[in-house]
Amino acid sequence: MTPETVIELGQLALRTTLMVAGPMLAAGMVVGLSISIFQAATHINEMTMTFVPKIVAVFVVLIIALPWIIHQLTTFTMGIFERIGAM
């Protein structure tokens, strides 16, 4: 296994990780930002008010994106197995 192959596999793994986690992170960020704006506008400083909507948003996005996430992970895994077989 050459160093170039290891670097390529690492890049592919990081790219897959970011693609899989990206939608949930973006949903949490958007919900958190909107709640922060609401709290700044109304001067409500309740710390627990941010957690529940973020968790709900992340779970909703996870449920919606789960088929796509499974497809991405199985494609990545099959690609890794094909590379192992080619070596």
N, C-alpha and C. Protein backbone atom coordinates (compact mmCIF):
# COMPACT_ATOMS: atom_id res chain seq x y z
N MET A 1 0.85 -1.17 0.00
CA MET A 1 0.00 0.00 0.00
C MET A 1 0.91 1.24 0.00
N THR A 2 0.72 2.06 -0.99
CA THR A 2 1.55 3.25 -1.12
C THR A 2 1.00 4.39 -0.26
N PRO A 3 1.84 5.36 0.05
CA PRO A 3 1.36 6.51 0.82
C PRO A 3 0.25 7.28 0.11
N GLU A 4 0.30 7.32 -1.22
CA GLU A 4 -0.75 8.01 -1.97
C GLU A 4 -2.10 7.33 -1.78
N THR A 5 -2.10 6.01 -1.73
CA THR A 5 -3.35 5.26 -1.52
C THR A 5 -3.92 5.53 -0.14
N VAL A 6 -3.05 5.57 0.85
CA VAL A 6 -3.49 5.84 2.22
C VAL A 6 -4.08 7.24 2.32
N ILE A 7 -3.42 8.22 1.69
CA ILE A 7 -3.93 9.59 1.71
C ILE A 7 -5.27 9.67 0.99
N GLU A 8 -5.39 8.99 -0.14
CA GLU A 8 -6.64 9.00 -0.89
C GLU A 8 -7.78 8.37 -0.08
N LEU A 9 -7.49 7.27 0.60
CA LEU A 9 -8.52 6.63 1.43
C LEU A 9 -8.91 7.52 2.61
N GLY A 10 -7.94 8.19 3.19
CA GLY A 10 -8.24 9.12 4.28
C GLY A 10 -9.09 10.28 3.82
N GLN A 11 -8.77 10.83 2.65
CA GLN A 11 -9.58 11.92 2.10
C GLN A 11 -11.00 11.46 1.80
N LEU A 12 -11.13 10.27 1.25
CA LEU A 12 -12.45 9.72 0.94
C LEU A 12 -13.25 9.48 2.22
N ALA A 13 -12.59 9.01 3.26
CA ALA A 13 -13.28 8.79 4.54
C ALA A 13 -13.73 10.11 5.15
N LEU A 14 -12.87 11.12 5.12
CA LEU A 14 -13.25 12.43 5.67
C LEU A 14 -14.38 13.07 4.86
N ARG A 15 -14.32 12.94 3.54
CA ARG A 15 -15.37 13.50 2.70
C ARG A 15 -16.70 12.81 2.98
N THR A 16 -16.68 11.50 3.12
CA THR A 16 -17.91 10.76 3.42
C THR A 16 -18.45 11.16 4.79
N THR A 17 -17.58 11.31 5.76
CA THR A 17 -18.00 11.72 7.11
C THR A 17 -18.66 13.08 7.09
N LEU A 18 -18.06 14.03 6.38
CA LEU A 18 -18.64 15.37 6.30
C LEU A 18 -19.96 15.37 5.55
N MET A 19 -20.06 14.56 4.50
CA MET A 19 -21.32 14.50 3.76
C MET A 19 -22.44 13.89 4.60
N VAL A 20 -22.11 12.88 5.39
CA VAL A 20 -23.12 12.22 6.21
C VAL A 20 -23.54 13.10 7.38
N ALA A 21 -22.59 13.77 8.01
CA ALA A 21 -22.91 14.58 9.18
C ALA A 21 -23.37 15.98 8.82
N GLY A 22 -23.10 16.43 7.62
CA GLY A 22 -23.39 17.79 7.21
C GLY A 22 -24.83 18.24 7.36
N PRO A 23 -25.79 17.48 6.85
CA PRO A 23 -27.18 17.94 6.98
C PRO A 23 -27.64 18.12 8.42
N MET A 24 -27.24 17.22 9.30
CA MET A 24 -27.65 17.34 10.69
C MET A 24 -26.97 18.51 11.38
N LEU A 25 -25.69 18.72 11.07
CA LEU A 25 -24.98 19.87 11.65
C LEU A 25 -25.57 21.19 11.14
N ALA A 26 -25.92 21.23 9.87
CA ALA A 26 -26.51 22.45 9.31
C ALA A 26 -27.87 22.74 9.94
N ALA A 27 -28.67 21.70 10.14
CA ALA A 27 -29.98 21.91 10.77
C ALA A 27 -29.83 22.42 12.19
N GLY A 28 -28.91 21.85 12.95
CA GLY A 28 -28.66 22.32 14.31
C GLY A 28 -28.16 23.75 14.33
N MET A 29 -27.32 24.10 13.35
CA MET A 29 -26.81 25.46 13.30
C MET A 29 -27.90 26.46 12.95
N VAL A 30 -28.75 26.13 11.99
CA VAL A 30 -29.83 27.04 11.59
C VAL A 30 -30.82 27.24 12.73
N VAL A 31 -31.20 26.15 13.39
CA VAL A 31 -32.14 26.26 14.51
C VAL A 31 -31.50 27.03 15.66
N GLY A 32 -30.25 26.76 15.96
CA GLY A 32 -29.56 27.49 17.02
C GLY A 32 -29.44 28.97 16.73
N LEU A 33 -29.14 29.30 15.49
CA LEU A 33 -29.03 30.71 15.11
C LEU A 33 -30.37 31.42 15.20
N SER A 34 -31.43 30.76 14.74
CA SER A 34 -32.75 31.40 14.81
C SER A 34 -33.21 31.57 16.26
N ILE A 35 -32.93 30.61 17.10
CA ILE A 35 -33.30 30.74 18.52
C ILE A 35 -32.47 31.83 19.19
N SER A 36 -31.20 31.93 18.82
CA SER A 36 -30.36 33.00 19.38
C SER A 36 -30.87 34.37 18.98
N ILE A 37 -31.29 34.51 17.74
CA ILE A 37 -31.85 35.79 17.29
C ILE A 37 -33.14 36.10 18.05
N PHE A 38 -33.98 35.07 18.22
CA PHE A 38 -35.22 35.25 18.99
C PHE A 38 -34.93 35.65 20.43
N GLN A 39 -33.94 35.00 21.05
CA GLN A 39 -33.59 35.33 22.43
C GLN A 39 -33.01 36.74 22.55
N ALA A 40 -32.23 37.14 21.56
CA ALA A 40 -31.67 38.50 21.59
C ALA A 40 -32.76 39.55 21.40
N ALA A 41 -33.75 39.23 20.58
CA ALA A 41 -34.82 40.19 20.32
C ALA A 41 -35.76 40.32 21.51
N THR A 42 -35.97 39.23 22.24
CA THR A 42 -36.94 39.25 23.34
C THR A 42 -36.28 39.35 24.71
N HIS A 43 -34.96 39.32 24.78
CA HIS A 43 -34.21 39.38 26.03
C HIS A 43 -34.55 38.20 26.95
N ILE A 44 -34.89 37.07 26.39
CA ILE A 44 -35.11 35.84 27.16
C ILE A 44 -33.78 35.08 27.16
N ASN A 45 -33.26 34.82 28.33
CA ASN A 45 -31.97 34.13 28.44
C ASN A 45 -32.14 32.76 29.09
N GLU A 46 -33.03 31.98 28.58
CA GLU A 46 -33.24 30.63 29.09
C GLU A 46 -32.30 29.68 28.36
N MET A 47 -31.40 29.02 29.07
CA MET A 47 -30.41 28.15 28.45
C MET A 47 -31.01 26.87 27.88
N THR A 48 -32.03 26.35 28.54
CA THR A 48 -32.62 25.09 28.07
C THR A 48 -33.48 25.28 26.84
N MET A 49 -33.81 26.50 26.51
CA MET A 49 -34.66 26.75 25.35
C MET A 49 -33.97 26.40 24.04
N THR A 50 -32.65 26.34 24.03
CA THR A 50 -31.94 26.03 22.80
C THR A 50 -31.77 24.54 22.57
N PHE A 51 -31.75 23.75 23.62
CA PHE A 51 -31.42 22.34 23.47
C PHE A 51 -32.52 21.52 22.80
N VAL A 52 -33.73 21.66 23.27
CA VAL A 52 -34.82 20.82 22.77
C VAL A 52 -35.09 21.06 21.29
N PRO A 53 -35.22 22.30 20.81
CA PRO A 53 -35.44 22.47 19.37
C PRO A 53 -34.28 21.97 18.51
N LYS A 54 -33.05 22.13 19.00
CA LYS A 54 -31.91 21.61 18.24
C LYS A 54 -31.97 20.10 18.14
N ILE A 55 -32.25 19.43 19.25
CA ILE A 55 -32.32 17.98 19.24
C ILE A 55 -33.44 17.50 18.33
N VAL A 56 -34.59 18.14 18.40
CA VAL A 56 -35.71 17.76 17.55
C VAL A 56 -35.35 17.96 16.08
N ALA A 57 -34.73 19.09 15.76
CA ALA A 57 -34.36 19.37 14.37
C ALA A 57 -33.35 18.35 13.85
N VAL A 58 -32.37 18.01 14.67
CA VAL A 58 -31.36 17.04 14.25
C VAL A 58 -32.00 15.67 14.02
N PHE A 59 -32.90 15.25 14.92
CA PHE A 59 -33.55 13.96 14.73
C PHE A 59 -34.47 13.93 13.52
N VAL A 60 -35.16 15.03 13.26
CA VAL A 60 -36.04 15.09 12.08
C VAL A 60 -35.21 14.99 10.80
N VAL A 61 -34.10 15.73 10.75
CA VAL A 61 -33.24 15.67 9.58
C VAL A 61 -32.62 14.28 9.46
N LEU A 62 -32.26 13.67 10.57
CA LEU A 62 -31.71 12.31 10.54
C LEU A 62 -32.71 11.33 9.96
N ILE A 63 -33.95 11.42 10.39
CA ILE A 63 -34.98 10.49 9.89
C ILE A 63 -35.22 10.72 8.40
N ILE A 64 -35.25 11.99 7.99
CA ILE A 64 -35.49 12.29 6.58
C ILE A 64 -34.31 11.85 5.71
N ALA A 65 -33.09 12.08 6.18
CA ALA A 65 -31.90 11.80 5.39
C ALA A 65 -31.35 10.40 5.57
N LEU A 66 -31.97 9.59 6.39
CA LEU A 66 -31.43 8.26 6.69
C LEU A 66 -31.24 7.37 5.46
N PRO A 67 -32.18 7.30 4.51
CA PRO A 67 -31.92 6.47 3.32
C PRO A 67 -30.70 6.94 2.53
N TRP A 68 -30.54 8.25 2.40
CA TRP A 68 -29.38 8.79 1.68
C TRP A 68 -28.09 8.50 2.45
N ILE A 69 -28.13 8.62 3.78
CA ILE A 69 -26.95 8.35 4.60
C ILE A 69 -26.54 6.88 4.47
N ILE A 70 -27.51 6.00 4.51
CA ILE A 70 -27.21 4.57 4.38
C ILE A 70 -26.61 4.28 3.01
N HIS A 71 -27.14 4.92 1.97
CA HIS A 71 -26.60 4.73 0.62
C HIS A 71 -25.15 5.21 0.55
N GLN A 72 -24.86 6.38 1.13
CA GLN A 72 -23.51 6.91 1.11
C GLN A 72 -22.54 5.98 1.84
N LEU A 73 -22.96 5.49 3.01
CA LEU A 73 -22.08 4.62 3.79
C LEU A 73 -21.87 3.27 3.13
N THR A 74 -22.90 2.70 2.54
CA THR A 74 -22.73 1.41 1.86
C THR A 74 -21.88 1.57 0.60
N THR A 75 -22.03 2.67 -0.11
CA THR A 75 -21.18 2.92 -1.28
C THR A 75 -19.72 3.05 -0.86
N PHE A 76 -19.47 3.78 0.22
CA PHE A 76 -18.10 3.92 0.72
C PHE A 76 -17.53 2.57 1.14
N THR A 77 -18.32 1.79 1.86
CA THR A 77 -17.85 0.49 2.34
C THR A 77 -17.57 -0.46 1.19
N MET A 78 -18.47 -0.48 0.21
CA MET A 78 -18.24 -1.35 -0.95
C MET A 78 -17.00 -0.92 -1.73
N GLY A 79 -16.76 0.39 -1.82
CA GLY A 79 -15.55 0.86 -2.48
C GLY A 79 -14.29 0.44 -1.74
N ILE A 80 -14.34 0.47 -0.42
CA ILE A 80 -13.19 0.03 0.38
C ILE A 80 -12.95 -1.47 0.17
N PHE A 81 -14.03 -2.27 0.19
CA PHE A 81 -13.87 -3.71 -0.02
C PHE A 81 -13.35 -4.02 -1.42
N GLU A 82 -13.77 -3.26 -2.43
CA GLU A 82 -13.26 -3.48 -3.78
C GLU A 82 -11.78 -3.15 -3.85
N ARG A 83 -11.37 -2.09 -3.15
CA ARG A 83 -9.94 -1.76 -3.15
C ARG A 83 -9.12 -2.82 -2.44
N ILE A 84 -9.67 -3.39 -1.37
CA ILE A 84 -8.96 -4.45 -0.66
C ILE A 84 -8.82 -5.66 -1.58
N GLY A 85 -9.88 -5.98 -2.31
CA GLY A 85 -9.80 -7.12 -3.23
C GLY A 85 -8.84 -6.90 -4.38
N ALA A 86 -8.66 -5.64 -4.79
CA ALA A 86 -7.75 -5.34 -5.89
C ALA A 86 -6.28 -5.41 -5.46
N MET A 87 -6.03 -5.31 -4.16
CA MET A 87 -4.63 -5.32 -3.70
C MET A 87 -4.16 -6.71 -3.65
